[in-house]
Amino acid sequence: MRKFRTTSWRAFRPDAREARHSGRGTDDTGGTVGACRILGLDPGSRRTGYGILAWADGECVHVAHGCIDVTGLEFAARLRRIYEAVQALIVTHAPDEVAIERVFMSRNADSALKLGQARGAALAAVPAGTATYEYAPREVKRAVVGYGAAEKPQVGHMIAQLLALDARVPVDAADALAVALCHAQSRRVARLARAAGARR
């Protein structure tokens, strides 16, 4: 699979060397160093997108993506299905860290409540001790597109370009990959800041 070095969200290297997925450790902030697998989640009451990236030394590689579609089920059954599906993803892919999109304020209180419950079902499936991070939608868009008010097609296009994906990525899965990529960028910035501090 092709991958890129996250020197910037606008520049990528399809010819970057193979990312390493071993030698996991813990840094002085509690985060893993070396290889790290990130599960990105874009929760929804009908479709929850997921995207998994492997991160190592500032490089990312696409691992998997998809959607948990619960359309047509009773609401309680939707929440149960989201919980079970996220559990299964964690068992299969063993992510080190989870990044999830923060719930945004909606004019429709019922929709916001359902979205919050879906998000809670996804988070409840994350094992205790697994580091979990939240990112606002505008923050995710800025990290991927460079513009906080970017439209979903723009996000999907940039995800395909940055991760060198040939096939069209469903909207919810693209959003989840964007959340994971935003977290990868945050990891890289934090690592550079620590390195700069150590040199002083």
N, C-alpha and C. Protein backbone atom coordinates (compact mmCIF):
# COMPACT_ATOMS: atom_id res chain seq x y z
N MET A 1 0.83 -1.19 0.00
CA MET A 1 0.00 0.00 0.00
C MET A 1 0.86 1.24 0.00
N ARG A 2 0.41 2.28 -0.68
CA ARG A 2 1.17 3.51 -0.70
C ARG A 2 0.90 4.33 0.54
N LYS A 3 1.85 5.16 0.89
CA LYS A 3 1.71 5.95 2.09
C LYS A 3 2.39 7.29 1.90
N PHE A 4 2.27 8.18 2.88
CA PHE A 4 2.87 9.49 2.76
C PHE A 4 3.50 9.90 4.07
N ARG A 5 4.46 10.80 3.99
CA ARG A 5 5.07 11.38 5.19
C ARG A 5 4.31 12.67 5.50
N THR A 6 3.84 12.78 6.74
CA THR A 6 2.97 13.90 7.08
C THR A 6 3.77 15.14 7.43
N THR A 7 4.62 15.59 6.51
CA THR A 7 5.33 16.85 6.72
C THR A 7 4.36 18.01 6.65
N SER A 8 3.23 17.82 5.99
CA SER A 8 2.19 18.83 5.90
C SER A 8 0.96 18.13 5.38
N TRP A 9 -0.21 18.70 5.64
CA TRP A 9 -1.41 18.07 5.10
C TRP A 9 -1.59 18.37 3.62
N ARG A 10 -0.73 19.25 3.07
CA ARG A 10 -0.83 19.54 1.63
C ARG A 10 0.25 18.85 0.81
N ALA A 11 1.20 18.21 1.50
CA ALA A 11 2.31 17.56 0.77
C ALA A 11 2.42 16.12 1.23
N PHE A 12 2.51 15.22 0.29
CA PHE A 12 2.64 13.82 0.65
C PHE A 12 3.62 13.13 -0.28
N ARG A 13 4.15 12.00 0.19
CA ARG A 13 5.14 11.26 -0.57
C ARG A 13 4.66 9.85 -0.83
N PRO A 14 4.07 9.57 -2.01
CA PRO A 14 3.61 8.21 -2.30
C PRO A 14 4.74 7.20 -2.29
N ASP A 15 5.98 7.64 -2.46
CA ASP A 15 7.11 6.73 -2.52
C ASP A 15 7.81 6.59 -1.17
N ALA A 16 7.16 7.06 -0.10
CA ALA A 16 7.80 6.99 1.22
C ALA A 16 8.08 5.55 1.60
N ARG A 17 9.09 5.37 2.46
CA ARG A 17 9.47 4.01 2.83
C ARG A 17 8.39 3.34 3.67
N GLU A 18 8.49 2.02 3.75
CA GLU A 18 7.50 1.23 4.47
C GLU A 18 7.44 1.65 5.92
N ALA A 19 6.25 1.91 6.42
CA ALA A 19 6.09 2.28 7.83
C ALA A 19 6.32 1.06 8.71
N ARG A 20 6.90 1.31 9.89
CA ARG A 20 7.18 0.21 10.81
C ARG A 20 6.03 0.08 11.80
N HIS A 21 5.63 -1.15 12.11
CA HIS A 21 4.52 -1.38 13.03
C HIS A 21 4.97 -2.23 14.21
N SER A 22 6.15 -1.98 14.72
CA SER A 22 6.64 -2.71 15.88
C SER A 22 7.40 -1.74 16.76
N GLY A 23 7.88 -2.23 17.88
CA GLY A 23 8.64 -1.38 18.76
C GLY A 23 7.81 -0.34 19.46
N ARG A 24 6.54 -0.68 19.81
CA ARG A 24 5.70 0.26 20.51
C ARG A 24 6.22 0.48 21.92
N GLY A 25 6.18 1.73 22.35
CA GLY A 25 6.60 2.04 23.70
C GLY A 25 5.75 3.15 24.23
N THR A 26 6.15 3.75 25.35
CA THR A 26 5.39 4.84 25.93
C THR A 26 6.30 6.02 26.15
N ASP A 27 5.86 7.22 25.74
CA ASP A 27 6.68 8.40 25.96
C ASP A 27 6.33 9.03 27.30
N ASP A 28 6.97 10.16 27.61
CA ASP A 28 6.77 10.76 28.92
C ASP A 28 5.43 11.45 29.08
N THR A 29 4.62 11.50 28.02
CA THR A 29 3.29 12.07 28.13
C THR A 29 2.22 10.99 28.18
N GLY A 30 2.64 9.74 28.14
CA GLY A 30 1.69 8.65 28.20
C GLY A 30 1.28 8.13 26.84
N GLY A 31 1.67 8.81 25.75
CA GLY A 31 1.32 8.35 24.41
C GLY A 31 2.33 7.35 23.90
N THR A 32 1.89 6.53 22.93
CA THR A 32 2.80 5.54 22.37
C THR A 32 3.78 6.20 21.42
N VAL A 33 4.97 5.63 21.31
CA VAL A 33 5.97 6.07 20.35
C VAL A 33 6.25 4.91 19.42
N GLY A 34 7.04 5.16 18.38
CA GLY A 34 7.25 4.11 17.40
C GLY A 34 5.97 3.96 16.61
N ALA A 35 5.59 2.74 16.32
CA ALA A 35 4.37 2.49 15.55
C ALA A 35 3.14 2.66 16.40
N CYS A 36 2.11 3.21 15.80
CA CYS A 36 0.85 3.42 16.50
C CYS A 36 -0.29 3.24 15.51
N ARG A 37 -1.27 2.47 15.87
CA ARG A 37 -2.44 2.29 15.01
C ARG A 37 -3.58 3.15 15.54
N ILE A 38 -4.17 3.96 14.66
CA ILE A 38 -5.20 4.92 15.05
C ILE A 38 -6.54 4.51 14.44
N LEU A 39 -7.57 4.45 15.27
CA LEU A 39 -8.93 4.21 14.81
C LEU A 39 -9.67 5.54 14.84
N GLY A 40 -10.11 6.02 13.68
CA GLY A 40 -10.90 7.23 13.60
C GLY A 40 -12.37 6.87 13.47
N LEU A 41 -13.22 7.60 14.20
CA LEU A 41 -14.66 7.33 14.19
C LEU A 41 -15.44 8.60 13.88
N ASP A 42 -16.40 8.47 12.98
CA ASP A 42 -17.33 9.56 12.68
C ASP A 42 -18.73 9.05 13.03
N PRO A 43 -19.17 9.27 14.28
CA PRO A 43 -20.42 8.65 14.74
C PRO A 43 -21.66 9.26 14.10
N GLY A 44 -22.65 8.41 13.89
CA GLY A 44 -23.93 8.86 13.37
C GLY A 44 -25.01 7.91 13.83
N SER A 45 -26.24 8.38 13.94
CA SER A 45 -27.33 7.52 14.42
C SER A 45 -27.80 6.54 13.35
N ARG A 46 -27.42 6.77 12.09
CA ARG A 46 -27.76 5.84 11.01
C ARG A 46 -26.53 5.18 10.41
N ARG A 47 -25.45 5.94 10.24
CA ARG A 47 -24.21 5.39 9.71
C ARG A 47 -23.04 5.95 10.52
N THR A 48 -22.21 5.06 11.00
CA THR A 48 -21.00 5.44 11.71
C THR A 48 -19.81 5.05 10.85
N GLY A 49 -19.04 6.04 10.44
CA GLY A 49 -17.87 5.75 9.62
C GLY A 49 -16.68 5.40 10.49
N TYR A 50 -15.81 4.56 9.96
CA TYR A 50 -14.57 4.24 10.66
C TYR A 50 -13.42 4.22 9.66
N GLY A 51 -12.26 4.59 10.16
CA GLY A 51 -11.05 4.56 9.34
C GLY A 51 -9.86 4.24 10.22
N ILE A 52 -8.97 3.41 9.73
CA ILE A 52 -7.82 2.96 10.51
C ILE A 52 -6.55 3.29 9.76
N LEU A 53 -5.64 3.98 10.46
CA LEU A 53 -4.34 4.35 9.91
C LEU A 53 -3.24 3.79 10.80
N ALA A 54 -2.15 3.39 10.17
CA ALA A 54 -0.94 3.01 10.92
C ALA A 54 0.02 4.18 10.84
N TRP A 55 0.50 4.65 11.98
CA TRP A 55 1.38 5.82 12.07
C TRP A 55 2.71 5.39 12.65
N ALA A 56 3.81 5.82 12.04
CA ALA A 56 5.14 5.50 12.57
C ALA A 56 6.13 6.56 12.11
N ASP A 57 6.78 7.19 13.07
CA ASP A 57 7.82 8.18 12.77
C ASP A 57 7.35 9.25 11.79
N GLY A 58 6.12 9.72 11.96
CA GLY A 58 5.60 10.78 11.09
C GLY A 58 5.03 10.30 9.78
N GLU A 59 4.98 9.00 9.55
CA GLU A 59 4.43 8.46 8.31
C GLU A 59 3.11 7.74 8.61
N CYS A 60 2.19 7.84 7.66
CA CYS A 60 0.89 7.18 7.79
C CYS A 60 0.66 6.23 6.63
N VAL A 61 -0.06 5.15 6.91
CA VAL A 61 -0.48 4.24 5.85
C VAL A 61 -1.93 3.82 6.13
N HIS A 62 -2.72 3.79 5.09
CA HIS A 62 -4.12 3.38 5.21
C HIS A 62 -4.19 1.89 5.50
N VAL A 63 -5.00 1.53 6.47
CA VAL A 63 -5.18 0.12 6.84
C VAL A 63 -6.56 -0.37 6.41
N ALA A 64 -7.61 0.36 6.80
CA ALA A 64 -8.97 -0.07 6.48
C ALA A 64 -9.93 1.09 6.67
N HIS A 65 -11.10 0.99 6.05
CA HIS A 65 -12.16 1.96 6.28
C HIS A 65 -13.49 1.32 5.93
N GLY A 66 -14.58 1.94 6.38
CA GLY A 66 -15.90 1.42 6.08
C GLY A 66 -16.96 2.14 6.88
N CYS A 67 -18.19 1.63 6.81
CA CYS A 67 -19.32 2.23 7.52
C CYS A 67 -20.10 1.16 8.27
N ILE A 68 -20.53 1.52 9.45
CA ILE A 68 -21.44 0.68 10.22
C ILE A 68 -22.84 1.22 9.93
N ASP A 69 -23.58 0.52 9.09
CA ASP A 69 -24.90 0.99 8.65
C ASP A 69 -25.99 0.36 9.50
N VAL A 70 -26.70 1.18 10.24
CA VAL A 70 -27.75 0.64 11.13
C VAL A 70 -29.12 1.14 10.69
N THR A 71 -29.21 1.63 9.47
CA THR A 71 -30.48 2.12 8.94
C THR A 71 -31.52 1.01 8.96
N GLY A 72 -32.74 1.34 9.38
CA GLY A 72 -33.82 0.36 9.37
C GLY A 72 -34.04 -0.34 10.70
N LEU A 73 -33.10 -0.22 11.63
CA LEU A 73 -33.25 -0.85 12.94
C LEU A 73 -33.95 0.10 13.91
N GLU A 74 -34.58 -0.46 14.94
CA GLU A 74 -35.09 0.36 16.02
C GLU A 74 -33.92 1.06 16.69
N PHE A 75 -34.19 2.21 17.31
CA PHE A 75 -33.07 3.02 17.81
C PHE A 75 -32.22 2.27 18.83
N ALA A 76 -32.83 1.56 19.74
CA ALA A 76 -32.06 0.81 20.74
C ALA A 76 -31.19 -0.24 20.07
N ALA A 77 -31.72 -0.87 19.02
CA ALA A 77 -30.95 -1.88 18.29
C ALA A 77 -29.80 -1.22 17.51
N ARG A 78 -30.01 0.01 17.06
CA ARG A 78 -28.92 0.73 16.37
C ARG A 78 -27.74 0.93 17.32
N LEU A 79 -28.05 1.39 18.52
CA LEU A 79 -26.98 1.63 19.49
C LEU A 79 -26.24 0.35 19.83
N ARG A 80 -26.98 -0.73 19.98
CA ARG A 80 -26.35 -2.02 20.29
C ARG A 80 -25.45 -2.46 19.14
N ARG A 81 -25.92 -2.26 17.91
CA ARG A 81 -25.14 -2.66 16.74
C ARG A 81 -23.87 -1.82 16.62
N ILE A 82 -23.96 -0.52 16.87
CA ILE A 82 -22.77 0.34 16.83
C ILE A 82 -21.75 -0.13 17.86
N TYR A 83 -22.23 -0.38 19.07
CA TYR A 83 -21.35 -0.85 20.15
C TYR A 83 -20.65 -2.15 19.75
N GLU A 84 -21.41 -3.13 19.26
CA GLU A 84 -20.84 -4.42 18.90
C GLU A 84 -19.88 -4.32 17.72
N ALA A 85 -20.23 -3.47 16.74
CA ALA A 85 -19.38 -3.33 15.56
C ALA A 85 -18.05 -2.66 15.90
N VAL A 86 -18.08 -1.64 16.76
CA VAL A 86 -16.84 -0.99 17.17
C VAL A 86 -15.99 -1.95 18.00
N GLN A 87 -16.63 -2.73 18.85
CA GLN A 87 -15.91 -3.76 19.61
C GLN A 87 -15.19 -4.71 18.67
N ALA A 88 -15.90 -5.17 17.63
CA ALA A 88 -15.31 -6.11 16.67
C ALA A 88 -14.14 -5.47 15.92
N LEU A 89 -14.27 -4.20 15.57
CA LEU A 89 -13.17 -3.49 14.89
C LEU A 89 -11.93 -3.44 15.78
N ILE A 90 -12.15 -3.20 17.06
CA ILE A 90 -11.02 -3.09 18.00
C ILE A 90 -10.35 -4.45 18.17
N VAL A 91 -11.14 -5.50 18.23
CA VAL A 91 -10.57 -6.85 18.34
C VAL A 91 -9.76 -7.19 17.08
N THR A 92 -10.29 -6.83 15.92
CA THR A 92 -9.63 -7.17 14.65
C THR A 92 -8.37 -6.36 14.40
N HIS A 93 -8.43 -5.06 14.65
CA HIS A 93 -7.33 -4.17 14.27
C HIS A 93 -6.46 -3.70 15.42
N ALA A 94 -6.87 -3.93 16.65
CA ALA A 94 -6.08 -3.59 17.84
C ALA A 94 -5.49 -2.19 17.79
N PRO A 95 -6.33 -1.15 17.70
CA PRO A 95 -5.78 0.22 17.66
C PRO A 95 -5.16 0.61 19.00
N ASP A 96 -4.12 1.42 18.94
CA ASP A 96 -3.49 1.93 20.16
C ASP A 96 -4.21 3.16 20.67
N GLU A 97 -4.76 3.94 19.75
CA GLU A 97 -5.45 5.18 20.10
C GLU A 97 -6.70 5.32 19.26
N VAL A 98 -7.69 6.00 19.83
CA VAL A 98 -8.97 6.22 19.15
C VAL A 98 -9.20 7.73 19.05
N ALA A 99 -9.55 8.19 17.86
CA ALA A 99 -9.89 9.60 17.64
C ALA A 99 -11.33 9.65 17.16
N ILE A 100 -12.12 10.51 17.76
CA ILE A 100 -13.54 10.58 17.44
C ILE A 100 -13.96 12.03 17.23
N GLU A 101 -14.89 12.24 16.32
CA GLU A 101 -15.36 13.60 16.07
C GLU A 101 -16.26 14.05 17.20
N ARG A 102 -16.05 15.27 17.65
CA ARG A 102 -16.86 15.85 18.71
C ARG A 102 -18.24 16.19 18.17
N VAL A 103 -19.26 16.03 19.02
CA VAL A 103 -20.63 16.36 18.61
C VAL A 103 -20.75 17.86 18.43
N PHE A 104 -21.31 18.28 17.31
CA PHE A 104 -21.53 19.70 17.07
C PHE A 104 -22.95 20.08 17.47
N MET A 105 -23.16 21.34 17.81
CA MET A 105 -24.49 21.80 18.20
C MET A 105 -25.40 21.82 16.99
N SER A 106 -26.60 21.30 17.18
CA SER A 106 -27.57 21.25 16.09
C SER A 106 -28.82 22.01 16.49
N ARG A 107 -29.47 22.60 15.49
CA ARG A 107 -30.73 23.28 15.76
C ARG A 107 -31.82 22.29 16.12
N ASN A 108 -31.67 21.06 15.67
CA ASN A 108 -32.65 20.01 15.96
C ASN A 108 -32.19 19.25 17.21
N ALA A 109 -32.85 19.49 18.33
CA ALA A 109 -32.44 18.88 19.60
C ALA A 109 -32.53 17.36 19.54
N ASP A 110 -33.54 16.82 18.87
CA ASP A 110 -33.70 15.37 18.79
C ASP A 110 -32.55 14.73 18.03
N SER A 111 -32.14 15.35 16.92
CA SER A 111 -31.02 14.83 16.14
C SER A 111 -29.72 14.88 16.93
N ALA A 112 -29.52 15.99 17.65
CA ALA A 112 -28.31 16.12 18.46
C ALA A 112 -28.27 15.08 19.57
N LEU A 113 -29.42 14.80 20.18
CA LEU A 113 -29.49 13.80 21.24
C LEU A 113 -29.18 12.41 20.69
N LYS A 114 -29.74 12.07 19.54
CA LYS A 114 -29.48 10.76 18.94
C LYS A 114 -28.02 10.62 18.54
N LEU A 115 -27.45 11.69 18.00
CA LEU A 115 -26.04 11.65 17.62
C LEU A 115 -25.16 11.45 18.84
N GLY A 116 -25.51 12.13 19.93
CA GLY A 116 -24.75 11.97 21.17
C GLY A 116 -24.84 10.55 21.71
N GLN A 117 -26.00 9.94 21.59
CA GLN A 117 -26.15 8.56 22.06
C GLN A 117 -25.36 7.58 21.20
N ALA A 118 -25.35 7.82 19.89
CA ALA A 118 -24.56 6.97 18.99
C ALA A 118 -23.09 7.09 19.31
N ARG A 119 -22.66 8.31 19.57
CA ARG A 119 -21.26 8.56 19.94
C ARG A 119 -20.92 7.85 21.26
N GLY A 120 -21.85 7.91 22.20
CA GLY A 120 -21.64 7.23 23.48
C GLY A 120 -21.53 5.72 23.31
N ALA A 121 -22.35 5.16 22.41
CA ALA A 121 -22.29 3.71 22.17
C ALA A 121 -20.94 3.32 21.59
N ALA A 122 -20.42 4.15 20.68
CA ALA A 122 -19.10 3.86 20.10
C ALA A 122 -18.00 3.97 21.15
N LEU A 123 -18.06 5.01 21.97
CA LEU A 123 -17.03 5.20 23.00
C LEU A 123 -17.09 4.11 24.07
N ALA A 124 -18.29 3.63 24.36
CA ALA A 124 -18.43 2.58 25.37
C ALA A 124 -17.74 1.29 24.95
N ALA A 125 -17.55 1.11 23.65
CA ALA A 125 -16.90 -0.10 23.14
C ALA A 125 -15.38 -0.03 23.22
N VAL A 126 -14.83 1.16 23.50
CA VAL A 126 -13.38 1.32 23.58
C VAL A 126 -12.90 0.77 24.93
N PRO A 127 -11.94 -0.15 24.93
CA PRO A 127 -11.48 -0.75 26.18
C PRO A 127 -10.87 0.28 27.13
N ALA A 128 -11.01 0.03 28.42
CA ALA A 128 -10.41 0.90 29.42
C ALA A 128 -8.90 0.95 29.21
N GLY A 129 -8.34 2.13 29.32
CA GLY A 129 -6.90 2.28 29.15
C GLY A 129 -6.48 2.67 27.75
N THR A 130 -7.39 2.58 26.78
CA THR A 130 -7.07 2.99 25.42
C THR A 130 -7.23 4.51 25.31
N ALA A 131 -6.18 5.19 24.90
CA ALA A 131 -6.22 6.65 24.81
C ALA A 131 -7.24 7.08 23.76
N THR A 132 -8.12 8.02 24.14
CA THR A 132 -9.17 8.50 23.26
C THR A 132 -9.08 10.02 23.14
N TYR A 133 -9.21 10.52 21.91
CA TYR A 133 -9.06 11.94 21.64
C TYR A 133 -10.27 12.45 20.87
N GLU A 134 -10.65 13.70 21.13
CA GLU A 134 -11.78 14.31 20.46
C GLU A 134 -11.31 15.48 19.60
N TYR A 135 -11.95 15.63 18.42
CA TYR A 135 -11.61 16.74 17.54
C TYR A 135 -12.90 17.35 16.99
N ALA A 136 -12.96 18.68 17.02
CA ALA A 136 -14.12 19.38 16.47
C ALA A 136 -14.12 19.25 14.96
N PRO A 137 -15.31 19.24 14.32
CA PRO A 137 -15.38 19.12 12.86
C PRO A 137 -14.53 20.14 12.12
N ARG A 138 -14.52 21.39 12.57
CA ARG A 138 -13.73 22.42 11.88
C ARG A 138 -12.23 22.14 12.01
N GLU A 139 -11.84 21.60 13.15
CA GLU A 139 -10.43 21.26 13.36
C GLU A 139 -9.99 20.16 12.40
N VAL A 140 -10.86 19.17 12.22
CA VAL A 140 -10.57 18.06 11.31
C VAL A 140 -10.44 18.57 9.88
N LYS A 141 -11.36 19.43 9.47
CA LYS A 141 -11.32 19.96 8.10
C LYS A 141 -10.08 20.81 7.86
N ARG A 142 -9.69 21.59 8.86
CA ARG A 142 -8.48 22.39 8.70
C ARG A 142 -7.25 21.51 8.53
N ALA A 143 -7.21 20.40 9.27
CA ALA A 143 -6.06 19.50 9.21
C ALA A 143 -5.94 18.82 7.85
N VAL A 144 -7.07 18.51 7.25
CA VAL A 144 -7.07 17.74 6.00
C VAL A 144 -7.11 18.64 4.76
N VAL A 145 -7.96 19.65 4.80
CA VAL A 145 -8.17 20.51 3.63
C VAL A 145 -7.45 21.85 3.77
N GLY A 146 -7.26 22.29 5.01
CA GLY A 146 -6.67 23.59 5.25
C GLY A 146 -7.70 24.68 5.39
N TYR A 147 -9.00 24.27 5.48
CA TYR A 147 -10.10 25.23 5.54
C TYR A 147 -11.20 24.64 6.41
N GLY A 148 -11.52 25.33 7.51
CA GLY A 148 -12.45 24.77 8.49
C GLY A 148 -13.88 24.63 8.04
N ALA A 149 -14.27 25.33 6.96
CA ALA A 149 -15.65 25.24 6.45
C ALA A 149 -15.72 24.44 5.15
N ALA A 150 -14.74 23.58 4.92
CA ALA A 150 -14.73 22.76 3.70
C ALA A 150 -15.95 21.85 3.62
N GLU A 151 -16.39 21.60 2.40
CA GLU A 151 -17.53 20.71 2.18
C GLU A 151 -17.06 19.26 2.17
N LYS A 152 -18.01 18.34 2.38
CA LYS A 152 -17.67 16.91 2.44
C LYS A 152 -16.97 16.40 1.18
N PRO A 153 -17.39 16.81 -0.02
CA PRO A 153 -16.66 16.35 -1.22
C PRO A 153 -15.19 16.76 -1.21
N GLN A 154 -14.90 17.96 -0.68
CA GLN A 154 -13.51 18.40 -0.59
C GLN A 154 -12.71 17.51 0.36
N VAL A 155 -13.33 17.17 1.49
CA VAL A 155 -12.68 16.28 2.46
C VAL A 155 -12.41 14.93 1.83
N GLY A 156 -13.42 14.38 1.16
CA GLY A 156 -13.25 13.08 0.51
C GLY A 156 -12.16 13.09 -0.54
N HIS A 157 -12.09 14.17 -1.32
CA HIS A 157 -11.07 14.28 -2.36
C HIS A 157 -9.68 14.32 -1.74
N MET A 158 -9.50 15.12 -0.70
CA MET A 158 -8.18 15.23 -0.07
C MET A 158 -7.76 13.93 0.60
N ILE A 159 -8.71 13.22 1.21
CA ILE A 159 -8.39 11.94 1.83
C ILE A 159 -7.89 10.97 0.77
N ALA A 160 -8.58 10.90 -0.36
CA ALA A 160 -8.15 10.00 -1.44
C ALA A 160 -6.76 10.37 -1.94
N GLN A 161 -6.48 11.68 -2.03
CA GLN A 161 -5.17 12.12 -2.51
C GLN A 161 -4.08 11.84 -1.48
N LEU A 162 -4.32 12.21 -0.25
CA LEU A 162 -3.30 12.08 0.78
C LEU A 162 -2.96 10.63 1.10
N LEU A 163 -3.97 9.77 1.04
CA LEU A 163 -3.73 8.36 1.36
C LEU A 163 -3.57 7.50 0.10
N ALA A 164 -3.56 8.15 -1.06
CA ALA A 164 -3.36 7.45 -2.34
C ALA A 164 -4.34 6.30 -2.52
N LEU A 165 -5.62 6.59 -2.31
CA LEU A 165 -6.67 5.59 -2.46
C LEU A 165 -7.25 5.67 -3.87
N ASP A 166 -7.30 4.56 -4.54
CA ASP A 166 -7.79 4.54 -5.92
C ASP A 166 -9.32 4.53 -5.99
N ALA A 167 -9.95 3.79 -5.07
CA ALA A 167 -11.40 3.66 -5.10
C ALA A 167 -12.06 4.82 -4.36
N ARG A 168 -13.30 5.12 -4.74
CA ARG A 168 -14.06 6.18 -4.07
C ARG A 168 -14.36 5.76 -2.63
N VAL A 169 -14.14 6.66 -1.70
CA VAL A 169 -14.38 6.37 -0.28
C VAL A 169 -15.75 6.92 0.11
N PRO A 170 -16.61 6.10 0.72
CA PRO A 170 -17.91 6.61 1.17
C PRO A 170 -17.74 7.82 2.09
N VAL A 171 -18.72 8.71 2.08
CA VAL A 171 -18.61 9.97 2.82
C VAL A 171 -18.30 9.74 4.29
N ASP A 172 -19.03 8.85 4.95
CA ASP A 172 -18.85 8.65 6.39
C ASP A 172 -17.46 8.06 6.68
N ALA A 173 -17.01 7.17 5.82
CA ALA A 173 -15.68 6.58 6.01
C ALA A 173 -14.60 7.63 5.76
N ALA A 174 -14.80 8.50 4.77
CA ALA A 174 -13.83 9.56 4.49
C ALA A 174 -13.73 10.50 5.68
N ASP A 175 -14.86 10.81 6.30
CA ASP A 175 -14.85 11.67 7.49
C ASP A 175 -14.09 11.00 8.63
N ALA A 176 -14.27 9.70 8.80
CA ALA A 176 -13.56 8.98 9.86
C ALA A 176 -12.06 8.94 9.60
N LEU A 177 -11.67 8.71 8.35
CA LEU A 177 -10.25 8.75 8.01
C LEU A 177 -9.68 10.15 8.24
N ALA A 178 -10.49 11.17 7.99
CA ALA A 178 -10.04 12.54 8.23
C ALA A 178 -9.79 12.77 9.72
N VAL A 179 -10.65 12.21 10.58
CA VAL A 179 -10.46 12.34 12.03
C VAL A 179 -9.15 11.64 12.44
N ALA A 180 -8.93 10.44 11.90
CA ALA A 180 -7.69 9.71 12.21
C ALA A 180 -6.47 10.48 11.72
N LEU A 181 -6.57 11.07 10.53
CA LEU A 181 -5.45 11.83 9.98
C LEU A 181 -5.18 13.10 10.78
N CYS A 182 -6.25 13.74 11.25
CA CYS A 182 -6.12 14.91 12.10
C CYS A 182 -5.35 14.55 13.37
N HIS A 183 -5.67 13.39 13.94
CA HIS A 183 -4.96 12.95 15.15
C HIS A 183 -3.50 12.64 14.84
N ALA A 184 -3.25 12.04 13.68
CA ALA A 184 -1.87 11.75 13.29
C ALA A 184 -1.07 13.06 13.17
N GLN A 185 -1.71 14.10 12.62
CA GLN A 185 -1.05 15.40 12.52
C GLN A 185 -0.75 15.95 13.91
N SER A 186 -1.70 15.80 14.84
CA SER A 186 -1.51 16.28 16.20
C SER A 186 -0.36 15.55 16.88
N ARG A 187 -0.26 14.24 16.63
CA ARG A 187 0.85 13.46 17.20
C ARG A 187 2.18 13.99 16.68
N ARG A 188 2.22 14.27 15.39
CA ARG A 188 3.47 14.73 14.79
C ARG A 188 3.87 16.10 15.35
N VAL A 189 2.90 17.01 15.47
CA VAL A 189 3.20 18.33 16.01
C VAL A 189 3.70 18.22 17.45
N ALA A 190 3.03 17.37 18.26
CA ALA A 190 3.46 17.19 19.65
C ALA A 190 4.87 16.62 19.72
N ARG A 191 5.17 15.71 18.81
CA ARG A 191 6.51 15.10 18.79
C ARG A 191 7.57 16.13 18.43
N LEU A 192 7.28 16.98 17.44
CA LEU A 192 8.22 18.03 17.06
C LEU A 192 8.42 19.03 18.19
N ALA A 193 7.34 19.34 18.90
CA ALA A 193 7.46 20.29 20.02
C ALA A 193 8.32 19.70 21.13
N ARG A 194 8.16 18.40 21.41
CA ARG A 194 8.99 17.77 22.43
C ARG A 194 10.46 17.77 22.01
N ALA A 195 10.69 17.48 20.72
CA ALA A 195 12.07 17.46 20.23
C ALA A 195 12.70 18.84 20.31
N ALA A 196 11.92 19.89 19.97
CA ALA A 196 12.44 21.25 20.04
C ALA A 196 12.74 21.64 21.48
N GLY A 197 11.88 21.21 22.41
CA GLY A 197 12.11 21.49 23.82
C GLY A 197 13.36 20.80 24.36
N ALA A 198 13.59 19.59 23.87
CA ALA A 198 14.75 18.83 24.34
C ALA A 198 16.06 19.44 23.86
N ARG A 199 16.01 20.17 22.71
CA ARG A 199 17.22 20.77 22.17
C ARG A 199 17.61 22.07 22.87
N ARG A 200 16.65 22.63 23.63
CA ARG A 200 16.92 23.92 24.30
C ARG A 200 17.78 23.73 25.54
